[in-house]
N, C-alpha and C. Protein backbone atom coordinates (compact mmCIF):
# COMPACT_ATOMS: atom_id res chain seq x y z
N UNK A 1 0.84 -1.21 0.00
CA UNK A 1 0.00 0.00 0.00
C UNK A 1 0.86 1.24 0.00
N UNK A 2 0.39 2.30 -0.65
CA UNK A 2 1.12 3.57 -0.67
C UNK A 2 0.95 4.28 0.66
N UNK A 3 1.80 5.28 0.90
CA UNK A 3 1.75 6.03 2.16
C UNK A 3 0.41 6.71 2.37
N UNK A 4 -0.14 7.31 1.30
CA UNK A 4 -1.40 8.02 1.47
C UNK A 4 -2.54 7.06 1.80
N UNK A 5 -2.49 5.84 1.27
CA UNK A 5 -3.52 4.85 1.59
C UNK A 5 -3.41 4.41 3.05
N UNK A 6 -2.17 4.25 3.52
CA UNK A 6 -1.97 3.86 4.92
C UNK A 6 -2.45 4.97 5.85
N UNK A 7 -2.11 6.23 5.53
CA UNK A 7 -2.56 7.36 6.36
C UNK A 7 -4.07 7.50 6.31
N UNK A 8 -4.68 7.23 5.17
CA UNK A 8 -6.14 7.28 5.06
C UNK A 8 -6.79 6.27 6.00
N UNK A 9 -6.20 5.09 6.07
CA UNK A 9 -6.69 4.06 6.98
C UNK A 9 -6.58 4.52 8.43
N UNK A 10 -5.46 5.14 8.76
CA UNK A 10 -5.27 5.64 10.12
C UNK A 10 -6.24 6.75 10.47
N UNK A 11 -6.45 7.67 9.53
CA UNK A 11 -7.39 8.77 9.78
C UNK A 11 -8.82 8.26 9.92
N UNK A 12 -9.16 7.21 9.17
CA UNK A 12 -10.50 6.61 9.29
C UNK A 12 -10.69 6.06 10.71
N UNK A 13 -9.65 5.43 11.26
CA UNK A 13 -9.71 4.92 12.62
C UNK A 13 -9.88 6.06 13.62
N UNK A 14 -9.11 7.14 13.44
CA UNK A 14 -9.19 8.26 14.35
C UNK A 14 -10.53 8.97 14.25
N UNK A 15 -11.12 9.00 13.06
CA UNK A 15 -12.45 9.59 12.92
C UNK A 15 -13.48 8.81 13.72
N UNK A 16 -13.35 7.49 13.71
CA UNK A 16 -14.25 6.66 14.51
C UNK A 16 -14.04 6.91 16.00
N UNK A 17 -12.78 7.04 16.42
CA UNK A 17 -12.49 7.31 17.82
C UNK A 17 -13.02 8.69 18.24
N UNK A 18 -12.80 9.68 17.37
CA UNK A 18 -13.29 11.03 17.67
C UNK A 18 -14.82 11.03 17.69
N UNK A 19 -15.42 10.30 16.74
CA UNK A 19 -16.87 10.23 16.68
C UNK A 19 -17.47 9.62 17.93
N UNK A 20 -16.81 8.59 18.48
CA UNK A 20 -17.35 7.94 19.68
C UNK A 20 -17.38 8.91 20.85
N UNK A 21 -16.33 9.74 20.98
CA UNK A 21 -16.29 10.68 22.10
C UNK A 21 -17.20 11.88 21.87
N UNK A 22 -17.37 12.28 20.62
CA UNK A 22 -18.33 13.35 20.34
C UNK A 22 -19.74 12.90 20.69
N UNK A 23 -20.08 11.69 20.30
CA UNK A 23 -21.40 11.13 20.62
C UNK A 23 -21.57 11.00 22.13
N UNK A 24 -20.51 10.51 22.80
CA UNK A 24 -20.56 10.35 24.25
C UNK A 24 -20.68 11.69 24.96
N UNK A 25 -19.95 12.68 24.45
CA UNK A 25 -19.95 14.02 25.05
C UNK A 25 -21.32 14.66 24.91
N UNK A 26 -21.93 14.58 23.72
CA UNK A 26 -23.25 15.16 23.50
C UNK A 26 -24.29 14.50 24.41
N UNK A 27 -24.22 13.16 24.50
CA UNK A 27 -25.15 12.43 25.37
C UNK A 27 -24.95 12.82 26.83
N UNK A 28 -23.69 13.03 27.23
CA UNK A 28 -23.39 13.41 28.62
C UNK A 28 -23.87 14.82 28.92
N UNK A 29 -23.71 15.73 27.96
CA UNK A 29 -24.18 17.10 28.16
C UNK A 29 -25.70 17.12 28.34
N UNK A 30 -26.41 16.30 27.59
CA UNK A 30 -27.87 16.23 27.71
C UNK A 30 -28.28 15.66 29.06
N UNK A 31 -27.52 14.67 29.52
CA UNK A 31 -27.85 14.02 30.79
C UNK A 31 -27.27 14.76 31.99
N UNK A 32 -26.38 15.73 31.73
CA UNK A 32 -25.71 16.48 32.79
C UNK A 32 -24.85 15.58 33.69
N UNK A 33 -24.42 14.48 33.12
CA UNK A 33 -23.51 13.58 33.81
C UNK A 33 -22.82 12.71 32.75
N UNK A 34 -21.75 12.04 33.15
CA UNK A 34 -21.02 11.20 32.20
C UNK A 34 -21.81 9.91 31.95
N UNK A 35 -22.17 9.68 30.68
CA UNK A 35 -22.88 8.46 30.30
C UNK A 35 -22.08 7.73 29.23
N UNK A 36 -22.41 6.46 29.03
CA UNK A 36 -21.67 5.63 28.07
C UNK A 36 -22.63 4.93 27.12
N UNK A 37 -22.97 5.55 25.99
CA UNK A 37 -23.87 4.91 25.03
C UNK A 37 -23.22 3.66 24.42
N UNK A 38 -24.04 2.72 24.00
CA UNK A 38 -23.50 1.50 23.40
C UNK A 38 -22.75 1.79 22.10
N UNK A 39 -23.16 2.87 21.41
CA UNK A 39 -22.49 3.23 20.17
C UNK A 39 -21.02 3.57 20.43
N UNK A 40 -20.72 4.06 21.62
CA UNK A 40 -19.35 4.37 22.00
C UNK A 40 -18.46 3.14 21.84
N UNK A 41 -18.96 1.99 22.32
CA UNK A 41 -18.17 0.76 22.28
C UNK A 41 -18.15 0.14 20.89
N UNK A 42 -19.22 0.31 20.14
CA UNK A 42 -19.26 -0.22 18.78
C UNK A 42 -18.28 0.52 17.88
N UNK A 43 -18.24 1.84 18.00
CA UNK A 43 -17.28 2.63 17.23
C UNK A 43 -15.85 2.34 17.69
N UNK A 44 -15.70 2.06 18.98
CA UNK A 44 -14.38 1.71 19.53
C UNK A 44 -13.84 0.44 18.89
N UNK A 45 -14.71 -0.55 18.74
CA UNK A 45 -14.29 -1.81 18.14
C UNK A 45 -13.80 -1.62 16.70
N UNK A 46 -14.60 -0.90 15.91
CA UNK A 46 -14.24 -0.67 14.52
C UNK A 46 -12.96 0.15 14.41
N UNK A 47 -12.88 1.21 15.20
CA UNK A 47 -11.70 2.07 15.17
C UNK A 47 -10.45 1.34 15.61
N UNK A 48 -10.59 0.49 16.63
CA UNK A 48 -9.44 -0.26 17.14
C UNK A 48 -8.89 -1.21 16.10
N UNK A 49 -9.77 -1.87 15.36
CA UNK A 49 -9.31 -2.80 14.33
C UNK A 49 -8.58 -2.06 13.21
N UNK A 50 -9.13 -0.92 12.78
CA UNK A 50 -8.49 -0.14 11.72
C UNK A 50 -7.14 0.41 12.17
N UNK A 51 -7.06 0.88 13.43
CA UNK A 51 -5.80 1.42 13.92
C UNK A 51 -4.78 0.29 14.10
N UNK A 52 -5.25 -0.89 14.45
CA UNK A 52 -4.37 -2.06 14.53
C UNK A 52 -3.73 -2.33 13.16
N UNK A 53 -4.56 -2.30 12.11
CA UNK A 53 -4.04 -2.50 10.76
C UNK A 53 -3.06 -1.39 10.40
N UNK A 54 -3.40 -0.16 10.78
CA UNK A 54 -2.52 0.98 10.51
C UNK A 54 -1.16 0.78 11.19
N UNK A 55 -1.17 0.31 12.44
CA UNK A 55 0.08 0.08 13.16
C UNK A 55 0.92 -0.99 12.50
N UNK A 56 0.27 -2.04 11.99
CA UNK A 56 0.98 -3.11 11.30
C UNK A 56 1.63 -2.58 10.03
N UNK A 57 0.87 -1.82 9.25
CA UNK A 57 1.38 -1.28 7.98
C UNK A 57 2.47 -0.22 8.19
N UNK A 58 2.42 0.44 9.35
CA UNK A 58 3.44 1.44 9.67
C UNK A 58 4.64 0.85 10.40
N UNK A 59 4.60 -0.49 10.62
CA UNK A 59 5.66 -1.13 11.40
C UNK A 59 5.85 -0.45 12.75
N UNK A 60 4.74 -0.19 13.44
CA UNK A 60 4.77 0.53 14.71
C UNK A 60 4.27 -0.40 15.82
N UNK A 61 5.18 -1.05 16.55
CA UNK A 61 4.77 -2.00 17.59
C UNK A 61 4.00 -1.36 18.73
N UNK A 62 4.25 -0.06 19.02
CA UNK A 62 3.55 0.62 20.11
C UNK A 62 2.06 0.69 19.81
N UNK A 63 1.70 1.03 18.57
CA UNK A 63 0.29 1.11 18.19
C UNK A 63 -0.35 -0.27 18.22
N UNK A 64 0.33 -1.27 17.68
CA UNK A 64 -0.19 -2.64 17.65
C UNK A 64 -0.47 -3.13 19.07
N UNK A 65 0.50 -2.93 19.95
CA UNK A 65 0.37 -3.38 21.33
C UNK A 65 -0.81 -2.72 22.03
N UNK A 66 -0.96 -1.41 21.81
CA UNK A 66 -2.05 -0.67 22.45
C UNK A 66 -3.42 -1.18 22.07
N UNK A 67 -3.60 -1.51 20.79
CA UNK A 67 -4.91 -1.96 20.32
C UNK A 67 -5.21 -3.40 20.75
N UNK A 68 -4.21 -4.26 20.71
CA UNK A 68 -4.41 -5.65 21.14
C UNK A 68 -4.80 -5.71 22.62
N UNK A 69 -4.22 -4.81 23.41
CA UNK A 69 -4.44 -4.81 24.85
C UNK A 69 -5.89 -4.51 25.24
N UNK A 70 -6.57 -3.66 24.46
CA UNK A 70 -7.89 -3.20 24.88
C UNK A 70 -9.05 -3.72 24.03
N UNK A 71 -8.75 -4.48 22.99
CA UNK A 71 -9.80 -4.94 22.08
C UNK A 71 -10.88 -5.72 22.82
N UNK A 72 -10.46 -6.65 23.69
CA UNK A 72 -11.42 -7.46 24.43
C UNK A 72 -12.26 -6.68 25.41
N UNK A 73 -11.70 -5.57 25.93
CA UNK A 73 -12.45 -4.75 26.89
C UNK A 73 -13.65 -4.09 26.23
N UNK A 74 -13.50 -3.69 24.97
CA UNK A 74 -14.63 -3.12 24.25
C UNK A 74 -15.77 -4.13 24.16
N UNK A 75 -15.41 -5.37 23.83
CA UNK A 75 -16.42 -6.42 23.71
C UNK A 75 -17.08 -6.68 25.06
N UNK A 76 -16.30 -6.69 26.13
CA UNK A 76 -16.85 -6.94 27.47
C UNK A 76 -17.84 -5.85 27.87
N UNK A 77 -17.56 -4.60 27.53
CA UNK A 77 -18.49 -3.52 27.86
C UNK A 77 -19.81 -3.66 27.10
N UNK A 78 -19.74 -4.10 25.87
CA UNK A 78 -20.97 -4.36 25.12
C UNK A 78 -21.76 -5.51 25.76
N UNK A 79 -21.05 -6.48 26.31
CA UNK A 79 -21.72 -7.57 27.01
C UNK A 79 -22.40 -7.06 28.28
N UNK A 80 -21.71 -6.17 29.02
CA UNK A 80 -22.28 -5.60 30.23
C UNK A 80 -23.53 -4.77 29.93
N UNK A 81 -23.56 -4.16 28.76
CA UNK A 81 -24.72 -3.36 28.36
C UNK A 81 -25.81 -4.21 27.72
N UNK A 82 -25.53 -5.50 27.54
CA UNK A 82 -26.51 -6.37 26.90
C UNK A 82 -26.65 -6.13 25.42
N UNK A 83 -25.62 -5.52 24.82
CA UNK A 83 -25.68 -5.14 23.40
C UNK A 83 -24.93 -6.10 22.49
N UNK A 84 -24.02 -6.90 23.06
CA UNK A 84 -23.16 -7.74 22.23
C UNK A 84 -23.98 -8.76 21.43
N UNK A 85 -24.95 -9.39 22.09
CA UNK A 85 -25.74 -10.41 21.41
C UNK A 85 -26.76 -9.81 20.43
N UNK A 86 -26.97 -8.51 20.54
CA UNK A 86 -27.89 -7.85 19.61
C UNK A 86 -27.24 -7.57 18.26
N UNK A 87 -25.90 -7.60 18.25
CA UNK A 87 -25.15 -7.39 17.01
C UNK A 87 -25.25 -8.65 16.15
N UNK A 88 -25.31 -8.47 14.85
CA UNK A 88 -25.39 -9.59 13.92
C UNK A 88 -24.34 -10.66 14.24
N UNK A 89 -24.77 -11.92 14.21
CA UNK A 89 -23.86 -13.03 14.50
C UNK A 89 -22.68 -13.05 13.54
N UNK A 90 -22.94 -12.76 12.30
CA UNK A 90 -21.88 -12.75 11.29
C UNK A 90 -20.86 -11.63 11.57
N UNK A 91 -21.38 -10.46 12.00
CA UNK A 91 -20.49 -9.33 12.30
C UNK A 91 -19.64 -9.64 13.53
N UNK A 92 -20.25 -10.27 14.54
CA UNK A 92 -19.50 -10.64 15.74
C UNK A 92 -18.39 -11.62 15.38
N UNK A 93 -18.69 -12.54 14.48
CA UNK A 93 -17.69 -13.52 14.05
C UNK A 93 -16.52 -12.82 13.36
N UNK A 94 -16.83 -11.87 12.48
CA UNK A 94 -15.78 -11.13 11.78
C UNK A 94 -14.92 -10.33 12.74
N UNK A 95 -15.56 -9.67 13.71
CA UNK A 95 -14.84 -8.85 14.69
C UNK A 95 -13.85 -9.70 15.48
N UNK A 96 -14.26 -10.93 15.81
CA UNK A 96 -13.40 -11.80 16.60
C UNK A 96 -12.30 -12.47 15.76
N UNK A 97 -12.63 -12.79 14.51
CA UNK A 97 -11.72 -13.58 13.68
C UNK A 97 -10.74 -12.72 12.88
N UNK A 98 -11.18 -11.57 12.38
CA UNK A 98 -10.33 -10.76 11.51
C UNK A 98 -9.00 -10.37 12.15
N UNK A 99 -8.97 -9.92 13.42
CA UNK A 99 -7.66 -9.59 14.01
C UNK A 99 -6.72 -10.79 14.06
N UNK A 100 -7.28 -11.98 14.34
CA UNK A 100 -6.45 -13.19 14.40
C UNK A 100 -5.89 -13.52 13.02
N UNK A 101 -6.76 -13.44 12.01
CA UNK A 101 -6.33 -13.70 10.63
C UNK A 101 -5.26 -12.71 10.21
N UNK A 102 -5.45 -11.44 10.59
CA UNK A 102 -4.48 -10.40 10.23
C UNK A 102 -3.12 -10.67 10.85
N UNK A 103 -3.12 -11.07 12.13
CA UNK A 103 -1.86 -11.36 12.81
C UNK A 103 -1.14 -12.53 12.13
N UNK A 104 -1.89 -13.57 11.79
CA UNK A 104 -1.30 -14.74 11.12
C UNK A 104 -0.75 -14.35 9.76
N UNK A 105 -1.53 -13.56 9.01
CA UNK A 105 -1.11 -13.16 7.67
C UNK A 105 0.20 -12.37 7.70
N UNK A 106 0.25 -11.37 8.59
CA UNK A 106 1.44 -10.52 8.63
C UNK A 106 2.61 -11.21 9.31
N UNK A 107 2.33 -12.27 10.07
CA UNK A 107 3.43 -13.03 10.69
C UNK A 107 4.29 -13.72 9.63
N UNK A 108 3.68 -14.02 8.49
CA UNK A 108 4.40 -14.69 7.41
C UNK A 108 4.92 -13.70 6.36
N UNK A 109 4.73 -12.41 6.63
CA UNK A 109 5.22 -11.39 5.71
C UNK A 109 6.62 -10.95 6.11
N UNK A 110 7.52 -10.89 5.16
CA UNK A 110 8.89 -10.47 5.45
C UNK A 110 8.96 -9.05 5.96
N UNK A 111 8.00 -8.23 5.58
CA UNK A 111 8.02 -6.83 5.98
C UNK A 111 7.46 -6.60 7.36
N UNK A 112 6.90 -7.65 8.00
CA UNK A 112 6.24 -7.44 9.29
C UNK A 112 6.63 -8.50 10.31
N UNK A 113 7.84 -9.00 10.24
CA UNK A 113 8.31 -9.94 11.23
C UNK A 113 8.64 -9.19 12.52
N UNK A 114 8.82 -9.92 13.62
CA UNK A 114 9.14 -9.28 14.90
C UNK A 114 10.46 -8.52 14.81
N UNK A 115 11.40 -9.04 14.01
CA UNK A 115 12.69 -8.36 13.85
C UNK A 115 12.51 -7.00 13.20
N UNK A 116 11.65 -6.94 12.18
CA UNK A 116 11.39 -5.67 11.50
C UNK A 116 10.67 -4.70 12.43
N UNK A 117 9.67 -5.21 13.16
CA UNK A 117 8.87 -4.35 14.03
C UNK A 117 9.69 -3.73 15.15
N UNK A 118 10.60 -4.51 15.73
CA UNK A 118 11.30 -4.03 16.92
C UNK A 118 12.73 -3.55 16.67
N UNK A 119 13.36 -4.02 15.59
CA UNK A 119 14.77 -3.69 15.43
C UNK A 119 15.09 -2.97 14.11
N UNK A 120 14.22 -3.08 13.11
CA UNK A 120 14.50 -2.42 11.84
C UNK A 120 13.31 -1.57 11.39
N UNK A 121 12.78 -0.79 12.32
CA UNK A 121 11.60 0.03 12.01
C UNK A 121 11.92 1.52 11.97
N UNK A 122 13.21 1.87 12.01
CA UNK A 122 13.65 3.27 11.95
C UNK A 122 13.12 4.11 13.11
N UNK A 123 12.83 3.48 14.24
CA UNK A 123 12.39 4.20 15.44
C UNK A 123 13.48 4.03 16.49
N UNK A 124 14.00 5.14 17.02
CA UNK A 124 15.04 5.06 18.04
C UNK A 124 14.49 4.41 19.30
N UNK A 125 15.39 3.86 20.11
CA UNK A 125 14.97 3.11 21.30
C UNK A 125 14.19 3.99 22.28
N UNK A 126 14.69 5.22 22.52
CA UNK A 126 14.01 6.08 23.49
C UNK A 126 12.62 6.46 23.01
N UNK A 127 12.47 6.65 21.69
CA UNK A 127 11.16 7.02 21.15
C UNK A 127 10.20 5.83 21.20
N UNK A 128 10.73 4.65 20.95
CA UNK A 128 9.90 3.45 21.02
C UNK A 128 9.42 3.22 22.45
N UNK A 129 10.30 3.46 23.42
CA UNK A 129 9.92 3.33 24.84
C UNK A 129 8.84 4.34 25.19
N UNK A 130 9.01 5.59 24.71
CA UNK A 130 8.00 6.62 24.94
C UNK A 130 6.67 6.22 24.34
N UNK A 131 6.71 5.66 23.14
CA UNK A 131 5.48 5.22 22.48
C UNK A 131 4.78 4.13 23.27
N UNK A 132 5.56 3.18 23.79
CA UNK A 132 4.97 2.10 24.58
C UNK A 132 4.38 2.63 25.89
N UNK A 133 5.09 3.56 26.53
CA UNK A 133 4.57 4.13 27.79
C UNK A 133 3.26 4.88 27.53
N UNK A 134 3.23 5.66 26.43
CA UNK A 134 2.02 6.38 26.08
C UNK A 134 0.87 5.44 25.78
N UNK A 135 1.13 4.38 24.99
CA UNK A 135 0.08 3.43 24.63
C UNK A 135 -0.39 2.64 25.85
N UNK A 136 0.54 2.26 26.72
CA UNK A 136 0.17 1.52 27.94
C UNK A 136 -0.69 2.39 28.84
N UNK A 137 -0.30 3.66 29.00
CA UNK A 137 -1.08 4.59 29.82
C UNK A 137 -2.47 4.77 29.22
N UNK A 138 -2.51 4.94 27.91
CA UNK A 138 -3.78 5.16 27.22
C UNK A 138 -4.66 3.91 27.30
N UNK A 139 -4.04 2.73 27.18
CA UNK A 139 -4.80 1.48 27.28
C UNK A 139 -5.22 1.19 28.71
N UNK A 140 -4.39 1.61 29.68
CA UNK A 140 -4.68 1.35 31.08
C UNK A 140 -5.99 2.00 31.52
N UNK A 141 -6.36 3.09 30.86
CA UNK A 141 -7.63 3.75 31.20
C UNK A 141 -8.80 2.79 31.01
N UNK A 142 -8.71 1.95 29.98
CA UNK A 142 -9.79 1.01 29.74
C UNK A 142 -9.73 -0.18 30.70
N UNK A 143 -8.54 -0.51 31.19
CA UNK A 143 -8.43 -1.55 32.21
C UNK A 143 -9.10 -1.05 33.50
N UNK A 144 -8.81 0.21 33.85
CA UNK A 144 -9.44 0.82 35.03
C UNK A 144 -10.95 0.89 34.84
N UNK A 145 -11.36 1.31 33.66
CA UNK A 145 -12.80 1.41 33.35
C UNK A 145 -13.46 0.04 33.46
N UNK A 146 -12.79 -0.97 32.95
CA UNK A 146 -13.34 -2.33 32.98
C UNK A 146 -13.51 -2.81 34.42
N UNK A 147 -12.50 -2.57 35.28
CA UNK A 147 -12.57 -2.99 36.68
C UNK A 147 -13.70 -2.28 37.41
N UNK A 148 -13.85 -0.98 37.16
CA UNK A 148 -14.96 -0.22 37.76
C UNK A 148 -16.29 -0.80 37.31
N UNK A 149 -16.39 -1.07 36.02
CA UNK A 149 -17.64 -1.57 35.46
C UNK A 149 -17.99 -2.96 35.99
N UNK A 150 -16.98 -3.82 36.12
CA UNK A 150 -17.22 -5.15 36.67
C UNK A 150 -17.69 -5.06 38.12
N UNK A 151 -17.19 -4.07 38.84
CA UNK A 151 -17.55 -3.92 40.25
C UNK A 151 -19.02 -3.55 40.41
N UNK A 152 -19.50 -2.65 39.53
CA UNK A 152 -20.89 -2.18 39.66
C UNK A 152 -21.83 -2.88 38.68
N UNK A 153 -21.24 -3.75 37.82
CA UNK A 153 -22.01 -4.55 36.87
C UNK A 153 -22.75 -3.72 35.81
N UNK A 154 -22.25 -2.52 35.55
CA UNK A 154 -22.75 -1.71 34.44
C UNK A 154 -21.55 -1.04 33.77
N UNK A 155 -21.72 -0.63 32.53
CA UNK A 155 -20.63 0.01 31.80
C UNK A 155 -20.59 1.50 32.13
N UNK A 156 -19.50 1.94 32.80
CA UNK A 156 -19.36 3.34 33.17
C UNK A 156 -17.98 3.85 32.80
N UNK A 157 -17.84 5.17 32.74
CA UNK A 157 -16.55 5.81 32.49
C UNK A 157 -16.22 6.67 33.71
N UNK A 158 -15.47 6.14 34.67
CA UNK A 158 -15.18 6.86 35.91
C UNK A 158 -14.15 7.97 35.72
N UNK A 159 -14.00 8.80 36.74
CA UNK A 159 -13.06 9.92 36.69
C UNK A 159 -11.63 9.50 36.36
N UNK A 160 -11.08 8.43 36.95
CA UNK A 160 -9.71 8.02 36.60
C UNK A 160 -9.53 7.72 35.12
N UNK A 161 -10.60 7.28 34.45
CA UNK A 161 -10.53 7.01 33.01
C UNK A 161 -10.13 8.26 32.25
N UNK A 162 -10.74 9.38 32.61
CA UNK A 162 -10.49 10.64 31.89
C UNK A 162 -9.12 11.22 32.22
N UNK A 163 -8.68 11.03 33.47
CA UNK A 163 -7.36 11.51 33.87
C UNK A 163 -6.27 10.74 33.12
N UNK A 164 -6.43 9.43 33.03
CA UNK A 164 -5.48 8.62 32.27
C UNK A 164 -5.55 8.94 30.78
N UNK A 165 -6.74 9.33 30.30
CA UNK A 165 -6.90 9.68 28.88
C UNK A 165 -6.04 10.89 28.53
N UNK A 166 -6.07 11.91 29.38
CA UNK A 166 -5.28 13.12 29.13
C UNK A 166 -3.78 12.81 29.23
N UNK A 167 -3.41 12.08 30.27
CA UNK A 167 -2.00 11.73 30.46
C UNK A 167 -1.46 10.94 29.27
N UNK A 168 -2.21 9.92 28.86
CA UNK A 168 -1.78 9.12 27.71
C UNK A 168 -1.74 9.92 26.43
N UNK A 169 -2.71 10.81 26.24
CA UNK A 169 -2.76 11.63 25.03
C UNK A 169 -1.55 12.54 24.91
N UNK A 170 -1.16 13.15 26.01
CA UNK A 170 0.00 14.05 26.00
C UNK A 170 1.27 13.28 25.62
N UNK A 171 1.44 12.09 26.20
CA UNK A 171 2.61 11.27 25.88
C UNK A 171 2.61 10.84 24.42
N UNK A 172 1.45 10.45 23.91
CA UNK A 172 1.36 10.01 22.52
C UNK A 172 1.52 11.19 21.57
N UNK A 173 1.07 12.38 21.97
CA UNK A 173 1.27 13.58 21.15
C UNK A 173 2.76 13.86 20.97
N UNK A 174 3.52 13.74 22.06
CA UNK A 174 4.96 13.94 21.99
C UNK A 174 5.59 12.90 21.06
N UNK A 175 5.15 11.65 21.23
CA UNK A 175 5.62 10.56 20.37
C UNK A 175 5.29 10.85 18.90
N UNK A 176 4.09 11.33 18.65
CA UNK A 176 3.64 11.60 17.29
C UNK A 176 4.48 12.68 16.61
N UNK A 177 4.87 13.70 17.40
CA UNK A 177 5.68 14.80 16.86
C UNK A 177 7.02 14.26 16.36
N UNK A 178 7.69 13.47 17.20
CA UNK A 178 9.00 12.93 16.82
C UNK A 178 8.87 11.83 15.76
N UNK A 179 7.75 11.13 15.76
CA UNK A 179 7.52 10.05 14.79
C UNK A 179 7.01 10.60 13.46
N UNK A 180 6.65 11.90 13.48
CA UNK A 180 6.08 12.56 12.30
C UNK A 180 4.84 11.81 11.81
N UNK A 181 3.95 11.55 12.77
CA UNK A 181 2.74 10.78 12.50
C UNK A 181 1.51 11.67 12.63
N UNK A 182 0.98 12.19 11.52
CA UNK A 182 -0.17 13.10 11.58
C UNK A 182 -1.43 12.42 12.10
N UNK A 183 -1.57 11.12 11.90
CA UNK A 183 -2.75 10.40 12.36
C UNK A 183 -2.84 10.43 13.88
N UNK A 184 -1.75 10.06 14.55
CA UNK A 184 -1.74 10.07 16.01
C UNK A 184 -1.87 11.49 16.55
N UNK A 185 -1.17 12.44 15.92
CA UNK A 185 -1.16 13.81 16.43
C UNK A 185 -2.56 14.43 16.38
N UNK A 186 -3.19 14.41 15.22
CA UNK A 186 -4.51 15.02 15.07
C UNK A 186 -5.55 14.29 15.92
N UNK A 187 -5.48 12.97 15.92
CA UNK A 187 -6.45 12.18 16.66
C UNK A 187 -6.44 12.47 18.16
N UNK A 188 -5.25 12.54 18.74
CA UNK A 188 -5.16 12.76 20.18
C UNK A 188 -5.35 14.22 20.56
N UNK A 189 -4.96 15.12 19.68
CA UNK A 189 -5.17 16.54 19.95
C UNK A 189 -6.66 16.85 20.00
N UNK A 190 -7.44 16.22 19.12
CA UNK A 190 -8.87 16.47 19.03
C UNK A 190 -9.61 15.99 20.28
N UNK A 191 -9.06 14.97 20.96
CA UNK A 191 -9.78 14.40 22.09
C UNK A 191 -9.57 15.09 23.42
N UNK A 192 -8.54 15.92 23.53
CA UNK A 192 -8.19 16.51 24.82
C UNK A 192 -9.32 17.37 25.39
N UNK A 193 -9.99 18.18 24.54
CA UNK A 193 -11.07 19.03 25.02
C UNK A 193 -12.19 18.20 25.64
N UNK A 194 -12.54 17.11 24.97
CA UNK A 194 -13.62 16.25 25.46
C UNK A 194 -13.22 15.59 26.78
N UNK A 195 -11.96 15.21 26.91
CA UNK A 195 -11.49 14.60 28.15
C UNK A 195 -11.63 15.60 29.31
N UNK A 196 -11.22 16.84 29.07
CA UNK A 196 -11.29 17.87 30.11
C UNK A 196 -12.74 18.11 30.51
N UNK A 197 -13.64 18.19 29.52
CA UNK A 197 -15.05 18.43 29.82
C UNK A 197 -15.65 17.29 30.64
N UNK A 198 -15.28 16.06 30.31
CA UNK A 198 -15.80 14.92 31.07
C UNK A 198 -15.25 14.89 32.50
N UNK A 199 -14.03 15.37 32.69
CA UNK A 199 -13.48 15.47 34.05
C UNK A 199 -14.31 16.45 34.86
N UNK A 200 -14.68 17.57 34.24
CA UNK A 200 -15.51 18.56 34.94
C UNK A 200 -16.87 17.98 35.29
N UNK A 201 -17.47 17.25 34.35
CA UNK A 201 -18.77 16.63 34.61
C UNK A 201 -18.67 15.57 35.70
N UNK A 202 -17.59 14.80 35.68
CA UNK A 202 -17.40 13.75 36.69
C UNK A 202 -17.22 14.35 38.07
N UNK A 203 -16.42 15.40 38.17
CA UNK A 203 -16.20 16.05 39.47
C UNK A 203 -17.48 16.66 40.00
N UNK A 204 -18.27 17.23 39.11
CA UNK A 204 -19.54 17.82 39.53
C UNK A 204 -20.48 16.74 40.06
N UNK A 205 -20.49 15.58 39.42
CA UNK A 205 -21.37 14.49 39.85
C UNK A 205 -20.91 13.94 41.20
N UNK A 206 -19.57 13.81 41.38
CA UNK A 206 -19.07 13.32 42.66
C UNK A 206 -19.38 14.31 43.78
N UNK A 207 -19.25 15.61 43.46
CA UNK A 207 -19.50 16.65 44.47
C UNK A 207 -20.98 16.69 44.86
N UNK A 208 -21.87 16.54 43.87
CA UNK A 208 -23.30 16.60 44.15
C UNK A 208 -23.83 15.29 44.71
N UNK A 209 -23.06 14.19 44.45
CA UNK A 209 -23.48 12.88 44.94
C UNK A 209 -23.09 12.67 46.38
């Protein structure tokens, strides 16, 4: 694939991610509290798969690792909302199988072996470490969210989720600047305002509760 096709794929993923938070933000403003529509998780699944492909095509292990880490959490939240089984059986099958098929396919590609991803990807060691820290922090927000949700048996986005979102975004923005990655830069820059607004809504709910 050409560079512009790869970047188009990445921007499509970021549009889905931005769309999920715009939808969540609008719903939260109407409810005057932080809410989590099922569409948030459905868009997350689609965006995560596309960004996973983007990371593979860009030979970027930090992006690949980040998406693999949280893919199952999106599905679990849909299960908690009772929405997973409402999705077409064929679509659920594709969502579960396509990432596995993709990993197998690229495992046999000379351009996407572990040696290429980690040692011949033109990313300096310190930048790769920064990318992993940013992706781990960004993914950790969903681990925290998942634990909160399992505790109360409903899908929620607690205050720590938004704090980790901002922290991870800042780290990935720095990574994106040095990596010269417009997809990561624009995508994470666009989300910071929504993260801040949700922190304000969360604090207001905790204070009034």
